[in-house]
Amino acid sequence: MSRTVEQQIAEAQNKLSRLKTKQRTKDTRRKIVVGAAMLAEMRDNPAAAQLLLDTLNKRITRDVDKRDLAPVIADLEALTDGHQN
């Protein structure tokens, strides 16, 4: 039995949705890996930690994001103590 045009459209839309989800998942994973690598570098490089701290303070503007990143910012501040630009 052949599928109707509506069924074919629905199947194509479902496939597109799955592909978009897969793409977002890969993008999120890349961001996590890059972020983890950068945070590891910050532990060894106070100047880089200061740059990241300055960037976060400049670019993160939403209160909810600031609250979520507070532990990271505190860690960076501890790493950069005495290494201000």
C-alpha atoms as a PDB file:
ATOM      1  CA  MET A   1       0.000   0.000   0.000  1.00  0.00           C
ATOM      2  CA  SER A   2       1.414   3.383  -0.931  1.00  0.00           C
ATOM      3  CA  ARG A   3       1.663   6.263   1.456  1.00  0.00           C
ATOM      4  CA  THR A   4      -0.365   9.392   0.980  1.00  0.00           C
ATOM      5  CA  VAL A   5       1.286  12.706   0.269  1.00  0.00           C
ATOM      6  CA  GLU A   6       0.351  13.823   3.787  1.00  0.00           C
ATOM      7  CA  GLN A   7       2.074  10.766   5.273  1.00  0.00           C
ATOM      8  CA  GLN A   8       5.182  11.410   3.190  1.00  0.00           C
ATOM      9  CA  ILE A   9       5.229  15.031   4.347  1.00  0.00           C
ATOM     10  CA  ALA A  10       4.813  13.972   7.985  1.00  0.00           C
ATOM     11  CA  GLU A  11       7.651  11.461   7.659  1.00  0.00           C
ATOM     12  CA  ALA A  12       9.907  14.090   6.058  1.00  0.00           C
ATOM     13  CA  GLN A  13       9.069  16.571   8.827  1.00  0.00           C
ATOM     14  CA  ASN A  14       9.853  13.943  11.475  1.00  0.00           C
ATOM     15  CA  LYS A  15      13.175  13.160   9.817  1.00  0.00           C
ATOM     16  CA  LEU A  16      14.021  16.867   9.639  1.00  0.00           C
ATOM     17  CA  SER A  17      13.173  17.257  13.308  1.00  0.00           C
ATOM     18  CA  ARG A  18      15.438  14.329  14.235  1.00  0.00           C
ATOM     19  CA  LEU A  19      18.291  15.767  12.154  1.00  0.00           C
ATOM     20  CA  LYS A  20      17.910  19.192  13.776  1.00  0.00           C
ATOM     21  CA  THR A  21      17.979  17.587  17.230  1.00  0.00           C
ATOM     22  CA  LYS A  22      21.101  15.636  16.288  1.00  0.00           C
ATOM     23  CA  GLN A  23      22.744  18.829  15.039  1.00  0.00           C
ATOM     24  CA  ARG A  24      21.915  20.706  18.276  1.00  0.00           C
ATOM     25  CA  THR A  25      23.256  17.795  20.330  1.00  0.00           C
ATOM     26  CA  LYS A  26      26.563  17.832  18.430  1.00  0.00           C
ATOM     27  CA  ASP A  27      26.793  21.617  18.759  1.00  0.00           C
ATOM     28  CA  THR A  28      26.189  21.417  22.511  1.00  0.00           C
ATOM     29  CA  ARG A  29      28.826  18.703  22.870  1.00  0.00           C
ATOM     30  CA  ARG A  30      31.382  20.810  20.974  1.00  0.00           C
ATOM     31  CA  LYS A  31      30.702  23.760  23.285  1.00  0.00           C
ATOM     32  CA  ILE A  32      31.126  21.569  26.356  1.00  0.00           C
ATOM     33  CA  VAL A  33      34.424  20.125  25.130  1.00  0.00           C
ATOM     34  CA  VAL A  34      35.798  23.565  24.204  1.00  0.00           C
ATOM     35  CA  GLY A  35      34.645  24.989  27.541  1.00  0.00           C
ATOM     36  CA  ALA A  36      36.268  22.161  29.485  1.00  0.00           C
ATOM     37  CA  ALA A  37      39.533  22.616  27.599  1.00  0.00           C
ATOM     38  CA  MET A  38      39.495  26.355  28.248  1.00  0.00           C
ATOM     39  CA  LEU A  39      38.785  25.908  31.956  1.00  0.00           C
ATOM     40  CA  ALA A  40      41.642  23.415  32.202  1.00  0.00           C
ATOM     41  CA  GLU A  41      43.955  25.941  30.542  1.00  0.00           C
ATOM     42  CA  MET A  42      42.833  28.633  32.977  1.00  0.00           C
ATOM     43  CA  ARG A  43      44.152  26.583  35.900  1.00  0.00           C
ATOM     44  CA  ASP A  44      47.675  26.740  34.440  1.00  0.00           C
ATOM     45  CA  ASN A  45      47.616  30.220  32.927  1.00  0.00           C
ATOM     46  CA  PRO A  46      46.591  33.161  35.156  1.00  0.00           C
ATOM     47  CA  ALA A  47      46.734  35.631  32.247  1.00  0.00           C
ATOM     48  CA  ALA A  48      44.318  33.502  30.227  1.00  0.00           C
ATOM     49  CA  ALA A  49      42.122  33.123  33.303  1.00  0.00           C
ATOM     50  CA  GLN A  50      42.045  36.917  33.652  1.00  0.00           C
ATOM     51  CA  LEU A  51      41.071  37.285  29.999  1.00  0.00           C
ATOM     52  CA  LEU A  52      38.218  34.821  30.424  1.00  0.00           C
ATOM     53  CA  LEU A  53      37.112  36.497  33.642  1.00  0.00           C
ATOM     54  CA  ASP A  54      37.094  39.907  31.946  1.00  0.00           C
ATOM     55  CA  THR A  55      35.171  38.482  28.991  1.00  0.00           C
ATOM     56  CA  LEU A  56      32.558  36.832  31.205  1.00  0.00           C
ATOM     57  CA  ASN A  57      32.099  40.013  33.229  1.00  0.00           C
ATOM     58  CA  LYS A  58      31.661  42.000  30.016  1.00  0.00           C
ATOM     59  CA  ARG A  59      29.493  39.591  27.999  1.00  0.00           C
ATOM     60  CA  ILE A  60      27.310  37.831  30.563  1.00  0.00           C
ATOM     61  CA  THR A  61      24.468  40.250  31.262  1.00  0.00           C
ATOM     62  CA  ARG A  62      21.457  38.153  32.248  1.00  0.00           C
ATOM     63  CA  ASP A  63      21.042  37.708  36.001  1.00  0.00           C
ATOM     64  CA  VAL A  64      20.172  34.027  35.636  1.00  0.00           C
ATOM     65  CA  ASP A  65      23.385  33.415  33.692  1.00  0.00           C
ATOM     66  CA  LYS A  66      25.432  35.345  36.256  1.00  0.00           C
ATOM     67  CA  ARG A  67      23.951  33.210  39.054  1.00  0.00           C
ATOM     68  CA  ASP A  68      24.646  29.992  37.156  1.00  0.00           C
ATOM     69  CA  LEU A  69      28.226  31.026  36.417  1.00  0.00           C
ATOM     70  CA  ALA A  70      28.977  32.386  39.902  1.00  0.00           C
ATOM     71  CA  PRO A  71      31.049  29.315  40.931  1.00  0.00           C
ATOM     72  CA  VAL A  72      33.109  29.499  37.726  1.00  0.00           C
ATOM     73  CA  ILE A  73      33.666  33.225  38.172  1.00  0.00           C
ATOM     74  CA  ALA A  74      34.705  32.683  41.797  1.00  0.00           C
ATOM     75  CA  ASP A  75      37.207  30.022  40.707  1.00  0.00           C
ATOM     76  CA  LEU A  76      38.619  32.340  38.029  1.00  0.00           C
ATOM     77  CA  GLU A  77      38.908  35.176  40.534  1.00  0.00           C
ATOM     78  CA  ALA A  78      40.878  32.891  42.860  1.00  0.00           C
ATOM     79  CA  LEU A  79      43.167  31.886  39.990  1.00  0.00           C
ATOM     80  CA  THR A  80      43.786  35.485  38.936  1.00  0.00           C
ATOM     81  CA  ASP A  81      44.357  36.966  42.377  1.00  0.00           C
ATOM     82  CA  GLY A  82      47.162  39.465  41.873  1.00  0.00           C
ATOM     83  CA  HIS A  83      47.273  39.020  38.098  1.00  0.00           C
ATOM     84  CA  GLN A  84      45.156  41.980  37.009  1.00  0.00           C
ATOM     85  CA  ASN A  85      45.832  43.499  33.581  1.00  0.00           C
END
